[in-house]
């Protein structure tokens, strides 16, 4: 995500946070200066 942002892309993140922390978004923001849209979604849930 950091490398995509620094290359000029827009990024949207989905993650169910089963093996990660929401605080990572703050780290991404500190490095890039950009806030990334985040959705807590399990990719196994087709409707969401």
ModelCIF file with pLDDT and N, C-alpha, C, O atoms, coordinates in Angstrom:
data_MODEL
#
_entry.id   MODEL 
#
_entity.id                         1 
_entity.type                       polymer 
_entity.pdbx_number_of_molecules   1 
#
_entity_poly.entity_id                      1 
_entity_poly.type                           'polypeptide(L)' 
_entity_poly.nstd_linkage                   no 
_entity_poly.nstd_monomer                   no 
_entity_poly.pdbx_seq_one_letter_code       
;(UNK)(UNK)(UNK)(UNK)(UNK)(UNK)(UNK)(UNK)(UNK)(UNK)(UNK)(UNK)(UNK)(UNK)(UNK)(UNK)
(UNK)(UNK)(UNK)(UNK)(UNK)(UNK)(UNK)(UNK)(UNK)(UNK)(UNK)(UNK)(UNK)(UNK)(UNK)(UNK)
(UNK)(UNK)(UNK)(UNK)(UNK)(UNK)(UNK)(UNK)(UNK)(UNK)(UNK)(UNK)(UNK)(UNK)(UNK)(UNK)
;
_entity_poly.pdbx_seq_one_letter_code_can   XXXXXXXXXXXXXXXXXXXXXXXXXXXXXXXXXXXXXXXXXXXXXXXX 
_entity_poly.pdbx_strand_id                 A 
#
loop_
_entity_poly_seq.entity_id 
_entity_poly_seq.num 
_entity_poly_seq.mon_id 
_entity_poly_seq.hetero 
1 1  UNK n 
1 2  UNK n 
1 3  UNK n 
1 4  UNK n 
1 5  UNK n 
1 6  UNK n 
1 7  UNK n 
1 8  UNK n 
1 9  UNK n 
1 10 UNK n 
1 11 UNK n 
1 12 UNK n 
1 13 UNK n 
1 14 UNK n 
1 15 UNK n 
1 16 UNK n 
1 17 UNK n 
1 18 UNK n 
1 19 UNK n 
1 20 UNK n 
1 21 UNK n 
1 22 UNK n 
1 23 UNK n 
1 24 UNK n 
1 25 UNK n 
1 26 UNK n 
1 27 UNK n 
1 28 UNK n 
1 29 UNK n 
1 30 UNK n 
1 31 UNK n 
1 32 UNK n 
1 33 UNK n 
1 34 UNK n 
1 35 UNK n 
1 36 UNK n 
1 37 UNK n 
1 38 UNK n 
1 39 UNK n 
1 40 UNK n 
1 41 UNK n 
1 42 UNK n 
1 43 UNK n 
1 44 UNK n 
1 45 UNK n 
1 46 UNK n 
1 47 UNK n 
1 48 UNK n 
#
_struct_asym.id          A 
_struct_asym.entity_id   1 
#
loop_
_ma_qa_metric.id 
_ma_qa_metric.mode 
_ma_qa_metric.name 
_ma_qa_metric.software_group_id 
_ma_qa_metric.type 
1 global pLDDT . pLDDT 
2 local  pLDDT . pLDDT 
#
_ma_qa_metric_global.metric_id      1 
_ma_qa_metric_global.metric_value   97.25 
_ma_qa_metric_global.model_id       1 
_ma_qa_metric_global.ordinal_id     1 
#
loop_
_ma_qa_metric_local.label_asym_id 
_ma_qa_metric_local.label_comp_id 
_ma_qa_metric_local.label_seq_id 
_ma_qa_metric_local.metric_id 
_ma_qa_metric_local.metric_value 
_ma_qa_metric_local.model_id 
_ma_qa_metric_local.ordinal_id 
A UNK 1  2 98.00 1 1  
A UNK 2  2 98.00 1 2  
A UNK 3  2 98.00 1 3  
A UNK 4  2 98.00 1 4  
A UNK 5  2 98.00 1 5  
A UNK 6  2 98.00 1 6  
A UNK 7  2 98.00 1 7  
A UNK 8  2 98.00 1 8  
A UNK 9  2 98.00 1 9  
A UNK 10 2 98.00 1 10 
A UNK 11 2 98.00 1 11 
A UNK 12 2 98.00 1 12 
A UNK 13 2 98.00 1 13 
A UNK 14 2 98.00 1 14 
A UNK 15 2 98.00 1 15 
A UNK 16 2 97.00 1 16 
A UNK 17 2 96.00 1 17 
A UNK 18 2 93.00 1 18 
A UNK 19 2 90.00 1 19 
A UNK 20 2 93.00 1 20 
A UNK 21 2 94.00 1 21 
A UNK 22 2 96.00 1 22 
A UNK 23 2 94.00 1 23 
A UNK 24 2 97.00 1 24 
A UNK 25 2 98.00 1 25 
A UNK 26 2 97.00 1 26 
A UNK 27 2 97.00 1 27 
A UNK 28 2 98.00 1 28 
A UNK 29 2 98.00 1 29 
A UNK 30 2 98.00 1 30 
A UNK 31 2 98.00 1 31 
A UNK 32 2 98.00 1 32 
A UNK 33 2 98.00 1 33 
A UNK 34 2 97.00 1 34 
A UNK 35 2 97.00 1 35 
A UNK 36 2 98.00 1 36 
A UNK 37 2 98.00 1 37 
A UNK 38 2 98.00 1 38 
A UNK 39 2 98.00 1 39 
A UNK 40 2 98.00 1 40 
A UNK 41 2 98.00 1 41 
A UNK 42 2 98.00 1 42 
A UNK 43 2 98.00 1 43 
A UNK 44 2 98.00 1 44 
A UNK 45 2 98.00 1 45 
A UNK 46 2 98.00 1 46 
A UNK 47 2 98.00 1 47 
A UNK 48 2 98.00 1 48 
#
loop_
_atom_site.group_PDB 
_atom_site.id 
_atom_site.type_symbol 
_atom_site.label_atom_id 
_atom_site.label_alt_id 
_atom_site.label_comp_id 
_atom_site.label_asym_id 
_atom_site.label_entity_id 
_atom_site.label_seq_id 
_atom_site.pdbx_PDB_ins_code 
_atom_site.Cartn_x 
_atom_site.Cartn_y 
_atom_site.Cartn_z 
_atom_site.occupancy 
_atom_site.B_iso_or_equiv 
_atom_site.pdbx_formal_charge 
_atom_site.auth_seq_id 
_atom_site.auth_comp_id 
_atom_site.auth_asym_id 
_atom_site.auth_atom_id 
_atom_site.pdbx_PDB_model_num 
ATOM 1   N N  . UNK A 1 1  ? 0.830   -1.206  0.000  1.00 98.00 ? 1  UNK A N  1 
ATOM 2   C CA . UNK A 1 1  ? 0.000   0.000   0.000  1.00 98.00 ? 1  UNK A CA 1 
ATOM 3   C C  . UNK A 1 1  ? 0.862   1.254   0.000  1.00 98.00 ? 1  UNK A C  1 
ATOM 4   O O  . UNK A 1 1  ? 0.603   2.189   -0.757 1.00 98.00 ? 1  UNK A O  1 
ATOM 5   N N  . UNK A 1 2  ? 1.882   1.277   0.842  1.00 98.00 ? 2  UNK A N  1 
ATOM 6   C CA . UNK A 1 2  ? 2.796   2.427   0.894  1.00 98.00 ? 2  UNK A CA 1 
ATOM 7   C C  . UNK A 1 2  ? 3.451   2.659   -0.468 1.00 98.00 ? 2  UNK A C  1 
ATOM 8   O O  . UNK A 1 2  ? 3.497   3.787   -0.957 1.00 98.00 ? 2  UNK A O  1 
ATOM 9   N N  . UNK A 1 3  ? 3.958   1.580   -1.076 1.00 98.00 ? 3  UNK A N  1 
ATOM 10  C CA . UNK A 1 3  ? 4.640   1.726   -2.365 1.00 98.00 ? 3  UNK A CA 1 
ATOM 11  C C  . UNK A 1 3  ? 3.674   2.152   -3.465 1.00 98.00 ? 3  UNK A C  1 
ATOM 12  O O  . UNK A 1 3  ? 4.052   2.926   -4.345 1.00 98.00 ? 3  UNK A O  1 
ATOM 13  N N  . UNK A 1 4  ? 2.442   1.667   -3.434 1.00 98.00 ? 4  UNK A N  1 
ATOM 14  C CA . UNK A 1 4  ? 1.431   2.096   -4.411 1.00 98.00 ? 4  UNK A CA 1 
ATOM 15  C C  . UNK A 1 4  ? 1.131   3.588   -4.265 1.00 98.00 ? 4  UNK A C  1 
ATOM 16  O O  . UNK A 1 4  ? 1.080   4.317   -5.256 1.00 98.00 ? 4  UNK A O  1 
ATOM 17  N N  . UNK A 1 5  ? 0.935   4.033   -3.032 1.00 98.00 ? 5  UNK A N  1 
ATOM 18  C CA . UNK A 1 5  ? 0.651   5.446   -2.785 1.00 98.00 ? 5  UNK A CA 1 
ATOM 19  C C  . UNK A 1 5  ? 1.808   6.323   -3.254 1.00 98.00 ? 5  UNK A C  1 
ATOM 20  O O  . UNK A 1 5  ? 1.597   7.368   -3.869 1.00 98.00 ? 5  UNK A O  1 
ATOM 21  N N  . UNK A 1 6  ? 3.019   5.891   -2.961 1.00 98.00 ? 6  UNK A N  1 
ATOM 22  C CA . UNK A 1 6  ? 4.182   6.682   -3.349 1.00 98.00 ? 6  UNK A CA 1 
ATOM 23  C C  . UNK A 1 6  ? 4.404   6.665   -4.858 1.00 98.00 ? 6  UNK A C  1 
ATOM 24  O O  . UNK A 1 6  ? 5.091   7.534   -5.395 1.00 98.00 ? 6  UNK A O  1 
ATOM 25  N N  . UNK A 1 7  ? 3.823   5.674   -5.547 1.00 98.00 ? 7  UNK A N  1 
ATOM 26  C CA . UNK A 1 7  ? 3.907   5.622   -7.009 1.00 98.00 ? 7  UNK A CA 1 
ATOM 27  C C  . UNK A 1 7  ? 2.754   6.381   -7.672 1.00 98.00 ? 7  UNK A C  1 
ATOM 28  O O  . UNK A 1 7  ? 2.674   6.442   -8.899 1.00 98.00 ? 7  UNK A O  1 
ATOM 29  N N  . UNK A 1 8  ? 1.856   6.962   -6.858 1.00 98.00 ? 8  UNK A N  1 
ATOM 30  C CA . UNK A 1 8  ? 0.794   7.794   -7.410 1.00 98.00 ? 8  UNK A CA 1 
ATOM 31  C C  . UNK A 1 8  ? -0.560  7.140   -7.563 1.00 98.00 ? 8  UNK A C  1 
ATOM 32  O O  . UNK A 1 8  ? -1.469  7.738   -8.138 1.00 98.00 ? 8  UNK A O  1 
ATOM 33  N N  . UNK A 1 9  ? -0.721  5.912   -7.057 1.00 98.00 ? 9  UNK A N  1 
ATOM 34  C CA . UNK A 1 9  ? -2.019  5.222   -7.137 1.00 98.00 ? 9  UNK A CA 1 
ATOM 35  C C  . UNK A 1 9  ? -2.910  5.637   -5.969 1.00 98.00 ? 9  UNK A C  1 
ATOM 36  O O  . UNK A 1 9  ? -2.420  6.041   -4.914 1.00 98.00 ? 9  UNK A O  1 
ATOM 37  N N  . UNK A 1 10 ? -4.227  5.534   -6.171 1.00 98.00 ? 10 UNK A N  1 
ATOM 38  C CA . UNK A 1 10 ? -5.174  5.565   -5.065 1.00 98.00 ? 10 UNK A CA 1 
ATOM 39  C C  . UNK A 1 10 ? -5.374  4.123   -4.593 1.00 98.00 ? 10 UNK A C  1 
ATOM 40  O O  . UNK A 1 10 ? -5.346  3.193   -5.400 1.00 98.00 ? 10 UNK A O  1 
ATOM 41  N N  . UNK A 1 11 ? -5.573  3.942   -3.299 1.00 98.00 ? 11 UNK A N  1 
ATOM 42  C CA . UNK A 1 11 ? -5.702  2.593   -2.729 1.00 98.00 ? 11 UNK A CA 1 
ATOM 43  C C  . UNK A 1 11 ? -6.914  2.535   -1.817 1.00 98.00 ? 11 UNK A C  1 
ATOM 44  O O  . UNK A 1 11 ? -7.192  3.477   -1.074 1.00 98.00 ? 11 UNK A O  1 
ATOM 45  N N  . UNK A 1 12 ? -7.633  1.423   -1.877 1.00 98.00 ? 12 UNK A N  1 
ATOM 46  C CA . UNK A 1 12 ? -8.683  1.083   -0.910 1.00 98.00 ? 12 UNK A CA 1 
ATOM 47  C C  . UNK A 1 12 ? -8.293  -0.251  -0.294 1.00 98.00 ? 12 UNK A C  1 
ATOM 48  O O  . UNK A 1 12 ? -7.927  -1.186  -1.006 1.00 98.00 ? 12 UNK A O  1 
ATOM 49  N N  . UNK A 1 13 ? -8.371  -0.337  1.028  1.00 98.00 ? 13 UNK A N  1 
ATOM 50  C CA . UNK A 1 13 ? -7.991  -1.559  1.743  1.00 98.00 ? 13 UNK A CA 1 
ATOM 51  C C  . UNK A 1 13 ? -9.235  -2.260  2.281  1.00 98.00 ? 13 UNK A C  1 
ATOM 52  O O  . UNK A 1 13 ? -10.121 -1.626  2.854  1.00 98.00 ? 13 UNK A O  1 
ATOM 53  N N  . UNK A 1 14 ? -9.289  -3.590  2.086  1.00 98.00 ? 14 UNK A N  1 
ATOM 54  C CA . UNK A 1 14 ? -10.218 -4.413  2.856  1.00 98.00 ? 14 UNK A CA 1 
ATOM 55  C C  . UNK A 1 14 ? -9.405  -5.443  3.632  1.00 98.00 ? 14 UNK A C  1 
ATOM 56  O O  . UNK A 1 14 ? -8.438  -5.999  3.112  1.00 98.00 ? 14 UNK A O  1 
ATOM 57  N N  . UNK A 1 15 ? -9.793  -5.688  4.855  1.00 98.00 ? 15 UNK A N  1 
ATOM 58  C CA . UNK A 1 15 ? -9.105  -6.653  5.711  1.00 98.00 ? 15 UNK A CA 1 
ATOM 59  C C  . UNK A 1 15 ? -10.056 -7.021  6.835  1.00 98.00 ? 15 UNK A C  1 
ATOM 60  O O  . UNK A 1 15 ? -10.787 -6.165  7.333  1.00 98.00 ? 15 UNK A O  1 
ATOM 61  N N  . UNK A 1 16 ? -10.055 -8.286  7.241  1.00 97.00 ? 16 UNK A N  1 
ATOM 62  C CA . UNK A 1 16 ? -10.922 -8.679  8.362  1.00 97.00 ? 16 UNK A CA 1 
ATOM 63  C C  . UNK A 1 16 ? -10.214 -8.571  9.710  1.00 97.00 ? 16 UNK A C  1 
ATOM 64  O O  . UNK A 1 16 ? -10.797 -8.879  10.750 1.00 97.00 ? 16 UNK A O  1 
ATOM 65  N N  . UNK A 1 17 ? -8.951  -8.133  9.688  1.00 96.00 ? 17 UNK A N  1 
ATOM 66  C CA . UNK A 1 17 ? -8.140  -7.917  10.900 1.00 96.00 ? 17 UNK A CA 1 
ATOM 67  C C  . UNK A 1 17 ? -7.947  -9.196  11.707 1.00 96.00 ? 17 UNK A C  1 
ATOM 68  O O  . UNK A 1 17 ? -7.736  -9.139  12.919 1.00 96.00 ? 17 UNK A O  1 
ATOM 69  N N  . UNK A 1 18 ? -8.019  -10.351 11.044 1.00 93.00 ? 18 UNK A N  1 
ATOM 70  C CA . UNK A 1 18 ? -7.814  -11.615 11.752 1.00 93.00 ? 18 UNK A CA 1 
ATOM 71  C C  . UNK A 1 18 ? -6.349  -11.830 12.114 1.00 93.00 ? 18 UNK A C  1 
ATOM 72  O O  . UNK A 1 18 ? -6.036  -12.542 13.069 1.00 93.00 ? 18 UNK A O  1 
ATOM 73  N N  . UNK A 1 19 ? -5.453  -11.211 11.349 1.00 90.00 ? 19 UNK A N  1 
ATOM 74  C CA . UNK A 1 19 ? -4.023  -11.366 11.642 1.00 90.00 ? 19 UNK A CA 1 
ATOM 75  C C  . UNK A 1 19 ? -3.292  -10.044 11.460 1.00 90.00 ? 19 UNK A C  1 
ATOM 76  O O  . UNK A 1 19 ? -2.133  -10.015 11.047 1.00 90.00 ? 19 UNK A O  1 
ATOM 77  N N  . UNK A 1 20 ? -3.988  -8.939  11.774 1.00 93.00 ? 20 UNK A N  1 
ATOM 78  C CA . UNK A 1 20 ? -3.373  -7.619  11.652 1.00 93.00 ? 20 UNK A CA 1 
ATOM 79  C C  . UNK A 1 20 ? -4.096  -6.662  12.584 1.00 93.00 ? 20 UNK A C  1 
ATOM 80  O O  . UNK A 1 20 ? -5.090  -7.020  13.214 1.00 93.00 ? 20 UNK A O  1 
ATOM 81  N N  . UNK A 1 21 ? -3.584  -5.447  12.661 1.00 94.00 ? 21 UNK A N  1 
ATOM 82  C CA . UNK A 1 21 ? -4.146  -4.453  13.577 1.00 94.00 ? 21 UNK A CA 1 
ATOM 83  C C  . UNK A 1 21 ? -4.565  -3.208  12.797 1.00 94.00 ? 21 UNK A C  1 
ATOM 84  O O  . UNK A 1 21 ? -3.918  -2.828  11.822 1.00 94.00 ? 21 UNK A O  1 
ATOM 85  N N  . UNK A 1 22 ? -5.645  -2.584  13.233 1.00 96.00 ? 22 UNK A N  1 
ATOM 86  C CA . UNK A 1 22 ? -6.116  -1.352  12.607 1.00 96.00 ? 22 UNK A CA 1 
ATOM 87  C C  . UNK A 1 22 ? -5.067  -0.234  12.728 1.00 96.00 ? 22 UNK A C  1 
ATOM 88  O O  . UNK A 1 22 ? -5.034  0.676   11.900 1.00 96.00 ? 22 UNK A O  1 
ATOM 89  N N  . UNK A 1 23 ? -4.223  -0.301  13.747 1.00 94.00 ? 23 UNK A N  1 
ATOM 90  C CA . UNK A 1 23 ? -3.203  0.732   13.972 1.00 94.00 ? 23 UNK A CA 1 
ATOM 91  C C  . UNK A 1 23 ? -2.222  0.847   12.808 1.00 94.00 ? 23 UNK A C  1 
ATOM 92  O O  . UNK A 1 23 ? -1.560  1.872   12.650 1.00 94.00 ? 23 UNK A O  1 
ATOM 93  N N  . UNK A 1 24 ? -2.128  -0.210  11.988 1.00 97.00 ? 24 UNK A N  1 
ATOM 94  C CA . UNK A 1 24 ? -1.245  -0.178  10.818 1.00 97.00 ? 24 UNK A CA 1 
ATOM 95  C C  . UNK A 1 24 ? -1.619  0.980   9.893  1.00 97.00 ? 24 UNK A C  1 
ATOM 96  O O  . UNK A 1 24 ? -0.751  1.547   9.230  1.00 97.00 ? 24 UNK A O  1 
ATOM 97  N N  . UNK A 1 25 ? -2.897  1.330   9.844  1.00 98.00 ? 25 UNK A N  1 
ATOM 98  C CA . UNK A 1 25 ? -3.346  2.442   9.005  1.00 98.00 ? 25 UNK A CA 1 
ATOM 99  C C  . UNK A 1 25 ? -2.673  3.743   9.415  1.00 98.00 ? 25 UNK A C  1 
ATOM 100 O O  . UNK A 1 25 ? -2.389  4.595   8.574  1.00 98.00 ? 25 UNK A O  1 
ATOM 101 N N  . UNK A 1 26 ? -2.418  3.893   10.715 1.00 97.00 ? 26 UNK A N  1 
ATOM 102 C CA . UNK A 1 26 ? -1.713  5.085   11.195 1.00 97.00 ? 26 UNK A CA 1 
ATOM 103 C C  . UNK A 1 26 ? -0.270  5.107   10.730 1.00 97.00 ? 26 UNK A C  1 
ATOM 104 O O  . UNK A 1 26 ? 0.266   6.164   10.397 1.00 97.00 ? 26 UNK A O  1 
ATOM 105 N N  . UNK A 1 27 ? 0.363   3.931   10.707 1.00 97.00 ? 27 UNK A N  1 
ATOM 106 C CA . UNK A 1 27 ? 1.734   3.847   10.196 1.00 97.00 ? 27 UNK A CA 1 
ATOM 107 C C  . UNK A 1 27 ? 1.813   4.215   8.731  1.00 97.00 ? 27 UNK A C  1 
ATOM 108 O O  . UNK A 1 27 ? 2.724   4.926   8.308  1.00 97.00 ? 27 UNK A O  1 
ATOM 109 N N  . UNK A 1 28 ? 0.844   3.722   7.947  1.00 98.00 ? 28 UNK A N  1 
ATOM 110 C CA . UNK A 1 28 ? 0.793   4.051   6.520  1.00 98.00 ? 28 UNK A CA 1 
ATOM 111 C C  . UNK A 1 28 ? 0.622   5.562   6.344  1.00 98.00 ? 28 UNK A C  1 
ATOM 112 O O  . UNK A 1 28 ? 1.256   6.166   5.479  1.00 98.00 ? 28 UNK A O  1 
ATOM 113 N N  . UNK A 1 29 ? -0.238  6.169   7.170  1.00 98.00 ? 29 UNK A N  1 
ATOM 114 C CA . UNK A 1 29 ? -0.489  7.611   7.083  1.00 98.00 ? 29 UNK A CA 1 
ATOM 115 C C  . UNK A 1 29 ? 0.765   8.409   7.454  1.00 98.00 ? 29 UNK A C  1 
ATOM 116 O O  . UNK A 1 29 ? 1.061   9.424   6.822  1.00 98.00 ? 29 UNK A O  1 
ATOM 117 N N  . UNK A 1 30 ? 1.500   7.958   8.472  1.00 98.00 ? 30 UNK A N  1 
ATOM 118 C CA . UNK A 1 30 ? 2.727   8.667   8.872  1.00 98.00 ? 30 UNK A CA 1 
ATOM 119 C C  . UNK A 1 30 ? 3.774   8.644   7.773  1.00 98.00 ? 30 UNK A C  1 
ATOM 120 O O  . UNK A 1 30 ? 4.470   9.635   7.555  1.00 98.00 ? 30 UNK A O  1 
ATOM 121 N N  . UNK A 1 31 ? 3.891   7.520   7.080  1.00 98.00 ? 31 UNK A N  1 
ATOM 122 C CA . UNK A 1 31 ? 4.901   7.385   6.025  1.00 98.00 ? 31 UNK A CA 1 
ATOM 123 C C  . UNK A 1 31 ? 4.526   8.188   4.791  1.00 98.00 ? 31 UNK A C  1 
ATOM 124 O O  . UNK A 1 31 ? 5.372   8.867   4.209  1.00 98.00 ? 31 UNK A O  1 
ATOM 125 N N  . UNK A 1 32 ? 3.259   8.112   4.389  1.00 98.00 ? 32 UNK A N  1 
ATOM 126 C CA . UNK A 1 32 ? 2.849   8.666   3.085  1.00 98.00 ? 32 UNK A CA 1 
ATOM 127 C C  . UNK A 1 32 ? 2.141   10.013  3.180  1.00 98.00 ? 32 UNK A C  1 
ATOM 128 O O  . UNK A 1 32 ? 2.059   10.747  2.196  1.00 98.00 ? 32 UNK A O  1 
ATOM 129 N N  . UNK A 1 33 ? 1.628   10.338  4.375  1.00 98.00 ? 33 UNK A N  1 
ATOM 130 C CA . UNK A 1 33 ? 0.842   11.557  4.514  1.00 98.00 ? 33 UNK A CA 1 
ATOM 131 C C  . UNK A 1 33 ? -0.559  11.436  3.942  1.00 98.00 ? 33 UNK A C  1 
ATOM 132 O O  . UNK A 1 33 ? -1.256  12.438  3.776  1.00 98.00 ? 33 UNK A O  1 
ATOM 133 N N  . UNK A 1 34 ? -0.978  10.202  3.638  1.00 97.00 ? 34 UNK A N  1 
ATOM 134 C CA . UNK A 1 34 ? -2.296  9.991   3.041  1.00 97.00 ? 34 UNK A CA 1 
ATOM 135 C C  . UNK A 1 34 ? -3.123  9.023   3.889  1.00 97.00 ? 34 UNK A C  1 
ATOM 136 O O  . UNK A 1 34 ? -2.603  8.053   4.442  1.00 97.00 ? 34 UNK A O  1 
ATOM 137 N N  . UNK A 1 35 ? -4.414  9.308   3.976  1.00 97.00 ? 35 UNK A N  1 
ATOM 138 C CA . UNK A 1 35 ? -5.349  8.433   4.683  1.00 97.00 ? 35 UNK A CA 1 
ATOM 139 C C  . UNK A 1 35 ? -6.022  7.517   3.663  1.00 97.00 ? 35 UNK A C  1 
ATOM 140 O O  . UNK A 1 35 ? -6.615  7.980   2.688  1.00 97.00 ? 35 UNK A O  1 
ATOM 141 N N  . UNK A 1 36 ? -5.919  6.219   3.903  1.00 98.00 ? 36 UNK A N  1 
ATOM 142 C CA . UNK A 1 36 ? -6.437  5.232   2.946  1.00 98.00 ? 36 UNK A CA 1 
ATOM 143 C C  . UNK A 1 36 ? -7.823  4.767   3.396  1.00 98.00 ? 36 UNK A C  1 
ATOM 144 O O  . UNK A 1 36 ? -7.994  4.397   4.557  1.00 98.00 ? 36 UNK A O  1 
ATOM 145 N N  . UNK A 1 37 ? -8.813  4.779   2.503  1.00 98.00 ? 37 UNK A N  1 
ATOM 146 C CA . UNK A 1 37 ? -10.123 4.214   2.860  1.00 98.00 ? 37 UNK A CA 1 
ATOM 147 C C  . UNK A 1 37 ? -9.964  2.752   3.281  1.00 98.00 ? 37 UNK A C  1 
ATOM 148 O O  . UNK A 1 37 ? -9.310  1.962   2.600  1.00 98.00 ? 37 UNK A O  1 
ATOM 149 N N  . UNK A 1 38 ? -10.578 2.410   4.419  1.00 98.00 ? 38 UNK A N  1 
ATOM 150 C CA . UNK A 1 38 ? -10.458 1.055   4.968  1.00 98.00 ? 38 UNK A CA 1 
ATOM 151 C C  . UNK A 1 38 ? -11.840 0.494   5.249  1.00 98.00 ? 38 UNK A C  1 
ATOM 152 O O  . UNK A 1 38 ? -12.709 1.184   5.784  1.00 98.00 ? 38 UNK A O  1 
ATOM 153 N N  . UNK A 1 39 ? -12.036 -0.778  4.880  1.00 98.00 ? 39 UNK A N  1 
ATOM 154 C CA . UNK A 1 39 ? -13.292 -1.473  5.158  1.00 98.00 ? 39 UNK A CA 1 
ATOM 155 C C  . UNK A 1 39 ? -12.969 -2.799  5.829  1.00 98.00 ? 39 UNK A C  1 
ATOM 156 O O  . UNK A 1 39 ? -12.240 -3.631  5.287  1.00 98.00 ? 39 UNK A O  1 
ATOM 157 N N  . UNK A 1 40 ? -13.532 -2.978  7.028  1.00 98.00 ? 40 UNK A N  1 
ATOM 158 C CA . UNK A 1 40 ? -13.341 -4.249  7.724  1.00 98.00 ? 40 UNK A CA 1 
ATOM 159 C C  . UNK A 1 40 ? -14.296 -5.271  7.112  1.00 98.00 ? 40 UNK A C  1 
ATOM 160 O O  . UNK A 1 40 ? -15.477 -5.332  7.456  1.00 98.00 ? 40 UNK A O  1 
ATOM 161 N N  . UNK A 1 41 ? -13.751 -6.073  6.195  1.00 98.00 ? 41 UNK A N  1 
ATOM 162 C CA . UNK A 1 41 ? -14.551 -7.027  5.436  1.00 98.00 ? 41 UNK A CA 1 
ATOM 163 C C  . UNK A 1 41 ? -13.763 -8.321  5.296  1.00 98.00 ? 41 UNK A C  1 
ATOM 164 O O  . UNK A 1 41 ? -12.562 -8.298  5.024  1.00 98.00 ? 41 UNK A O  1 
ATOM 165 N N  . UNK A 1 42 ? -14.430 -9.431  5.480  1.00 98.00 ? 42 UNK A N  1 
ATOM 166 C CA . UNK A 1 42 ? -13.841 -10.739 5.200  1.00 98.00 ? 42 UNK A CA 1 
ATOM 167 C C  . UNK A 1 42 ? -14.124 -11.065 3.737  1.00 98.00 ? 42 UNK A C  1 
ATOM 168 O O  . UNK A 1 42 ? -15.276 -11.030 3.303  1.00 98.00 ? 42 UNK A O  1 
ATOM 169 N N  . UNK A 1 43 ? -13.092 -11.379 2.986  1.00 98.00 ? 43 UNK A N  1 
ATOM 170 C CA . UNK A 1 43 ? -13.277 -11.651 1.555  1.00 98.00 ? 43 UNK A CA 1 
ATOM 171 C C  . UNK A 1 43 ? -14.085 -12.921 1.303  1.00 98.00 ? 43 UNK A C  1 
ATOM 172 O O  . UNK A 1 43 ? -14.501 -13.178 0.173  1.00 98.00 ? 43 UNK A O  1 
ATOM 173 N N  . UNK A 1 44 ? -14.306 -13.706 2.339  1.00 98.00 ? 44 UNK A N  1 
ATOM 174 C CA . UNK A 1 44 ? -15.187 -14.862 2.211  1.00 98.00 ? 44 UNK A CA 1 
ATOM 175 C C  . UNK A 1 44 ? -16.660 -14.486 2.245  1.00 98.00 ? 44 UNK A C  1 
ATOM 176 O O  . UNK A 1 44 ? -17.525 -15.315 1.964  1.00 98.00 ? 44 UNK A O  1 
ATOM 177 N N  . UNK A 1 45 ? -16.948 -13.222 2.593  1.00 98.00 ? 45 UNK A N  1 
ATOM 178 C CA . UNK A 1 45 ? -18.329 -12.733 2.671  1.00 98.00 ? 45 UNK A CA 1 
ATOM 179 C C  . UNK A 1 45 ? -18.655 -11.990 1.375  1.00 98.00 ? 45 UNK A C  1 
ATOM 180 O O  . UNK A 1 45 ? -18.347 -10.806 1.234  1.00 98.00 ? 45 UNK A O  1 
ATOM 181 N N  . UNK A 1 46 ? -19.271 -12.687 0.444  1.00 98.00 ? 46 UNK A N  1 
ATOM 182 C CA . UNK A 1 46 ? -19.511 -12.137 -0.897 1.00 98.00 ? 46 UNK A CA 1 
ATOM 183 C C  . UNK A 1 46 ? -20.371 -10.881 -0.852 1.00 98.00 ? 46 UNK A C  1 
ATOM 184 O O  . UNK A 1 46 ? -20.085 -9.916  -1.562 1.00 98.00 ? 46 UNK A O  1 
ATOM 185 N N  . UNK A 1 47 ? -21.403 -10.874 -0.045 1.00 98.00 ? 47 UNK A N  1 
ATOM 186 C CA . UNK A 1 47 ? -22.327 -9.736  -0.015 1.00 98.00 ? 47 UNK A CA 1 
ATOM 187 C C  . UNK A 1 47 ? -21.627 -8.464  0.465  1.00 98.00 ? 47 UNK A C  1 
ATOM 188 O O  . UNK A 1 47 ? -21.796 -7.396  -0.123 1.00 98.00 ? 47 UNK A O  1 
ATOM 189 N N  . UNK A 1 48 ? -20.847 -8.586  1.528  1.00 98.00 ? 48 UNK A N  1 
ATOM 190 C CA . UNK A 1 48 ? -20.156 -7.402  2.058  1.00 98.00 ? 48 UNK A CA 1 
ATOM 191 C C  . UNK A 1 48 ? -19.046 -6.942  1.115  1.00 98.00 ? 48 UNK A C  1 
ATOM 192 O O  . UNK A 1 48 ? -18.361 -5.960  1.402  1.00 98.00 ? 48 UNK A O  1 
#
